[in-house]
Amino acid sequence: MTKAHMTQIDIGPDQTRIDAGIVAKALKMTPQALQLAMRDGVVTSQFETGTGDDAGRIRLTFYSPNRRARITADTNGAILSCTAVDYVRPTSRAPSPKVNGART
């Protein structure tokens, strides 16, 4: 029996699941590399539930060291959009140094 390709997000009461291939493609890595990176904390994720104009939608955001992927779905888990951009993850939130008494 062939496993069907997941085209939606499984939203449960305690966890959310998505096909690693979808996220890996957006982050420009293999599914195996994604799974290892998530296990090691190199790739992290965030789950948000829409409010106001976005009520009835959810958003999963995945952060790798050099890329961010956002996947939006309806509350049934049907994927509505998947976008990704290259970026540099901030390493520190320390205040910027003062130069001649002013912050840079």
C-alpha atoms as a PDB file:
ATOM      1  CA  MET A   1       0.000   0.000   0.000  1.00  0.00           C
ATOM      2  CA  THR A   2       1.349   3.436  -0.940  1.00  0.00           C
ATOM      3  CA  LYS A   3       1.277   6.221   1.620  1.00  0.00           C
ATOM      4  CA  ALA A   4      -0.608   9.262   0.326  1.00  0.00           C
ATOM      5  CA  HIS A   5       1.305  12.532   0.180  1.00  0.00           C
ATOM      6  CA  MET A   6       0.090  14.829   2.946  1.00  0.00           C
ATOM      7  CA  THR A   7      -1.286  18.036   1.418  1.00  0.00           C
ATOM      8  CA  GLN A   8      -2.656  19.342   4.627  1.00  0.00           C
ATOM      9  CA  ILE A   9      -1.739  19.822   8.236  1.00  0.00           C
ATOM     10  CA  ASP A  10      -3.000  17.421  10.901  1.00  0.00           C
ATOM     11  CA  ILE A  11      -4.178  19.629  13.739  1.00  0.00           C
ATOM     12  CA  GLY A  12      -4.731  17.750  16.987  1.00  0.00           C
ATOM     13  CA  PRO A  13      -5.437  18.895  20.530  1.00  0.00           C
ATOM     14  CA  ASP A  14      -1.840  18.333  21.657  1.00  0.00           C
ATOM     15  CA  GLN A  15       0.222  18.380  18.463  1.00  0.00           C
ATOM     16  CA  THR A  16       0.308  19.537  14.869  1.00  0.00           C
ATOM     17  CA  ARG A  17       1.811  17.426  12.067  1.00  0.00           C
ATOM     18  CA  ILE A  18       2.874  18.323   8.548  1.00  0.00           C
ATOM     19  CA  ASP A  19       4.726  16.350   5.882  1.00  0.00           C
ATOM     20  CA  ALA A  20       8.453  16.994   6.401  1.00  0.00           C
ATOM     21  CA  GLY A  21       8.870  17.174   2.614  1.00  0.00           C
ATOM     22  CA  ILE A  22       6.764  20.342   2.412  1.00  0.00           C
ATOM     23  CA  VAL A  23       8.765  22.131   5.089  1.00  0.00           C
ATOM     24  CA  ALA A  24      12.117  20.780   3.873  1.00  0.00           C
ATOM     25  CA  LYS A  25      11.485  22.012   0.327  1.00  0.00           C
ATOM     26  CA  ALA A  26      10.626  25.486   1.630  1.00  0.00           C
ATOM     27  CA  LEU A  27      13.799  25.538   3.762  1.00  0.00           C
ATOM     28  CA  LYS A  28      15.918  24.144   0.886  1.00  0.00           C
ATOM     29  CA  MET A  29      16.995  20.958   2.678  1.00  0.00           C
ATOM     30  CA  THR A  30      16.180  17.269   2.604  1.00  0.00           C
ATOM     31  CA  PRO A  31      13.435  15.857   4.840  1.00  0.00           C
ATOM     32  CA  GLN A  32      16.073  13.821   6.684  1.00  0.00           C
ATOM     33  CA  ALA A  33      18.206  16.922   7.318  1.00  0.00           C
ATOM     34  CA  LEU A  34      15.105  18.788   8.513  1.00  0.00           C
ATOM     35  CA  GLN A  35      14.169  16.072  10.986  1.00  0.00           C
ATOM     36  CA  LEU A  36      17.708  16.000  12.395  1.00  0.00           C
ATOM     37  CA  ALA A  37      17.882  19.810  12.564  1.00  0.00           C
ATOM     38  CA  MET A  38      14.550  19.970  14.425  1.00  0.00           C
ATOM     39  CA  ARG A  39      15.652  17.247  16.828  1.00  0.00           C
ATOM     40  CA  ASP A  40      18.874  19.190  17.504  1.00  0.00           C
ATOM     41  CA  GLY A  41      17.039  22.530  17.902  1.00  0.00           C
ATOM     42  CA  VAL A  42      18.709  24.066  14.837  1.00  0.00           C
ATOM     43  CA  VAL A  43      15.314  24.436  13.115  1.00  0.00           C
ATOM     44  CA  THR A  44      12.518  25.711  15.326  1.00  0.00           C
ATOM     45  CA  SER A  45       8.822  26.305  14.731  1.00  0.00           C
ATOM     46  CA  GLN A  46       5.954  28.443  15.912  1.00  0.00           C
ATOM     47  CA  PHE A  47       2.183  27.776  15.762  1.00  0.00           C
ATOM     48  CA  GLU A  48      -0.301  30.657  15.634  1.00  0.00           C
ATOM     49  CA  THR A  49      -4.094  30.774  15.517  1.00  0.00           C
ATOM     50  CA  GLY A  50      -5.630  33.636  13.560  1.00  0.00           C
ATOM     51  CA  THR A  51      -7.814  36.297  15.127  1.00  0.00           C
ATOM     52  CA  GLY A  52      -9.858  39.123  13.650  1.00  0.00           C
ATOM     53  CA  ASP A  53      -9.536  39.091   9.847  1.00  0.00           C
ATOM     54  CA  ASP A  54      -7.438  35.907  10.120  1.00  0.00           C
ATOM     55  CA  ALA A  55      -9.950  33.988  12.261  1.00  0.00           C
ATOM     56  CA  GLY A  56     -10.370  30.461  10.903  1.00  0.00           C
ATOM     57  CA  ARG A  57      -6.738  30.204   9.845  1.00  0.00           C
ATOM     58  CA  ILE A  58      -3.586  28.871  11.435  1.00  0.00           C
ATOM     59  CA  ARG A  59       0.039  29.629  10.624  1.00  0.00           C
ATOM     60  CA  LEU A  60       3.110  27.477  11.117  1.00  0.00           C
ATOM     61  CA  THR A  61       6.446  29.248  10.856  1.00  0.00           C
ATOM     62  CA  PHE A  62       9.707  27.322  10.616  1.00  0.00           C
ATOM     63  CA  TYR A  63      13.057  28.979  11.262  1.00  0.00           C
ATOM     64  CA  SER A  64      16.383  27.616  10.056  1.00  0.00           C
ATOM     65  CA  PRO A  65      19.673  29.482  10.490  1.00  0.00           C
ATOM     66  CA  ASN A  66      19.298  31.079   7.041  1.00  0.00           C
ATOM     67  CA  ARG A  67      15.662  30.686   5.947  1.00  0.00           C
ATOM     68  CA  ARG A  68      12.122  31.201   7.231  1.00  0.00           C
ATOM     69  CA  ALA A  69       9.074  29.308   5.908  1.00  0.00           C
ATOM     70  CA  ARG A  70       5.463  30.257   6.680  1.00  0.00           C
ATOM     71  CA  ILE A  71       2.605  27.887   5.985  1.00  0.00           C
ATOM     72  CA  THR A  72      -0.967  29.101   6.343  1.00  0.00           C
ATOM     73  CA  ALA A  73      -3.911  26.706   6.535  1.00  0.00           C
ATOM     74  CA  ASP A  74      -7.596  26.751   7.382  1.00  0.00           C
ATOM     75  CA  THR A  75      -8.797  25.206  10.647  1.00  0.00           C
ATOM     76  CA  ASN A  76      -9.377  21.891   8.837  1.00  0.00           C
ATOM     77  CA  GLY A  77      -5.672  21.851   7.968  1.00  0.00           C
ATOM     78  CA  ALA A  78      -5.952  22.512   4.220  1.00  0.00           C
ATOM     79  CA  ILE A  79      -2.825  24.413   3.187  1.00  0.00           C
ATOM     80  CA  LEU A  80      -3.677  27.834   1.755  1.00  0.00           C
ATOM     81  CA  SER A  81      -0.165  29.184   1.201  1.00  0.00           C
ATOM     82  CA  CYS A  82       3.493  28.401   1.727  1.00  0.00           C
ATOM     83  CA  THR A  83       6.101  31.135   1.474  1.00  0.00           C
ATOM     84  CA  ALA A  84       9.790  31.189   2.304  1.00  0.00           C
ATOM     85  CA  VAL A  85      12.515  33.809   2.399  1.00  0.00           C
ATOM     86  CA  ASP A  86      16.242  33.847   3.020  1.00  0.00           C
ATOM     87  CA  TYR A  87      17.261  35.725   6.157  1.00  0.00           C
ATOM     88  CA  VAL A  88      19.809  35.762   8.959  1.00  0.00           C
ATOM     89  CA  ARG A  89      18.497  34.701  12.370  1.00  0.00           C
ATOM     90  CA  PRO A  90      19.359  37.217  15.081  1.00  0.00           C
ATOM     91  CA  THR A  91      21.942  35.780  17.454  1.00  0.00           C
ATOM     92  CA  SER A  92      21.401  38.194  20.337  1.00  0.00           C
ATOM     93  CA  ARG A  93      18.909  40.746  21.519  1.00  0.00           C
ATOM     94  CA  ALA A  94      21.521  42.722  23.420  1.00  0.00           C
ATOM     95  CA  PRO A  95      21.269  46.504  23.054  1.00  0.00           C
ATOM     96  CA  SER A  96      23.394  48.019  20.334  1.00  0.00           C
ATOM     97  CA  PRO A  97      26.649  49.640  21.486  1.00  0.00           C
ATOM     98  CA  LYS A  98      26.773  53.380  22.151  1.00  0.00           C
ATOM     99  CA  VAL A  99      28.831  55.497  19.789  1.00  0.00           C
ATOM    100  CA  ASN A 100      29.523  59.009  21.054  1.00  0.00           C
ATOM    101  CA  GLY A 101      26.666  58.686  23.540  1.00  0.00           C
ATOM    102  CA  ALA A 102      24.080  57.564  20.943  1.00  0.00           C
ATOM    103  CA  ARG A 103      22.850  54.093  20.133  1.00  0.00           C
ATOM    104  CA  THR A 104      23.646  52.801  16.664  1.00  0.00           C
END
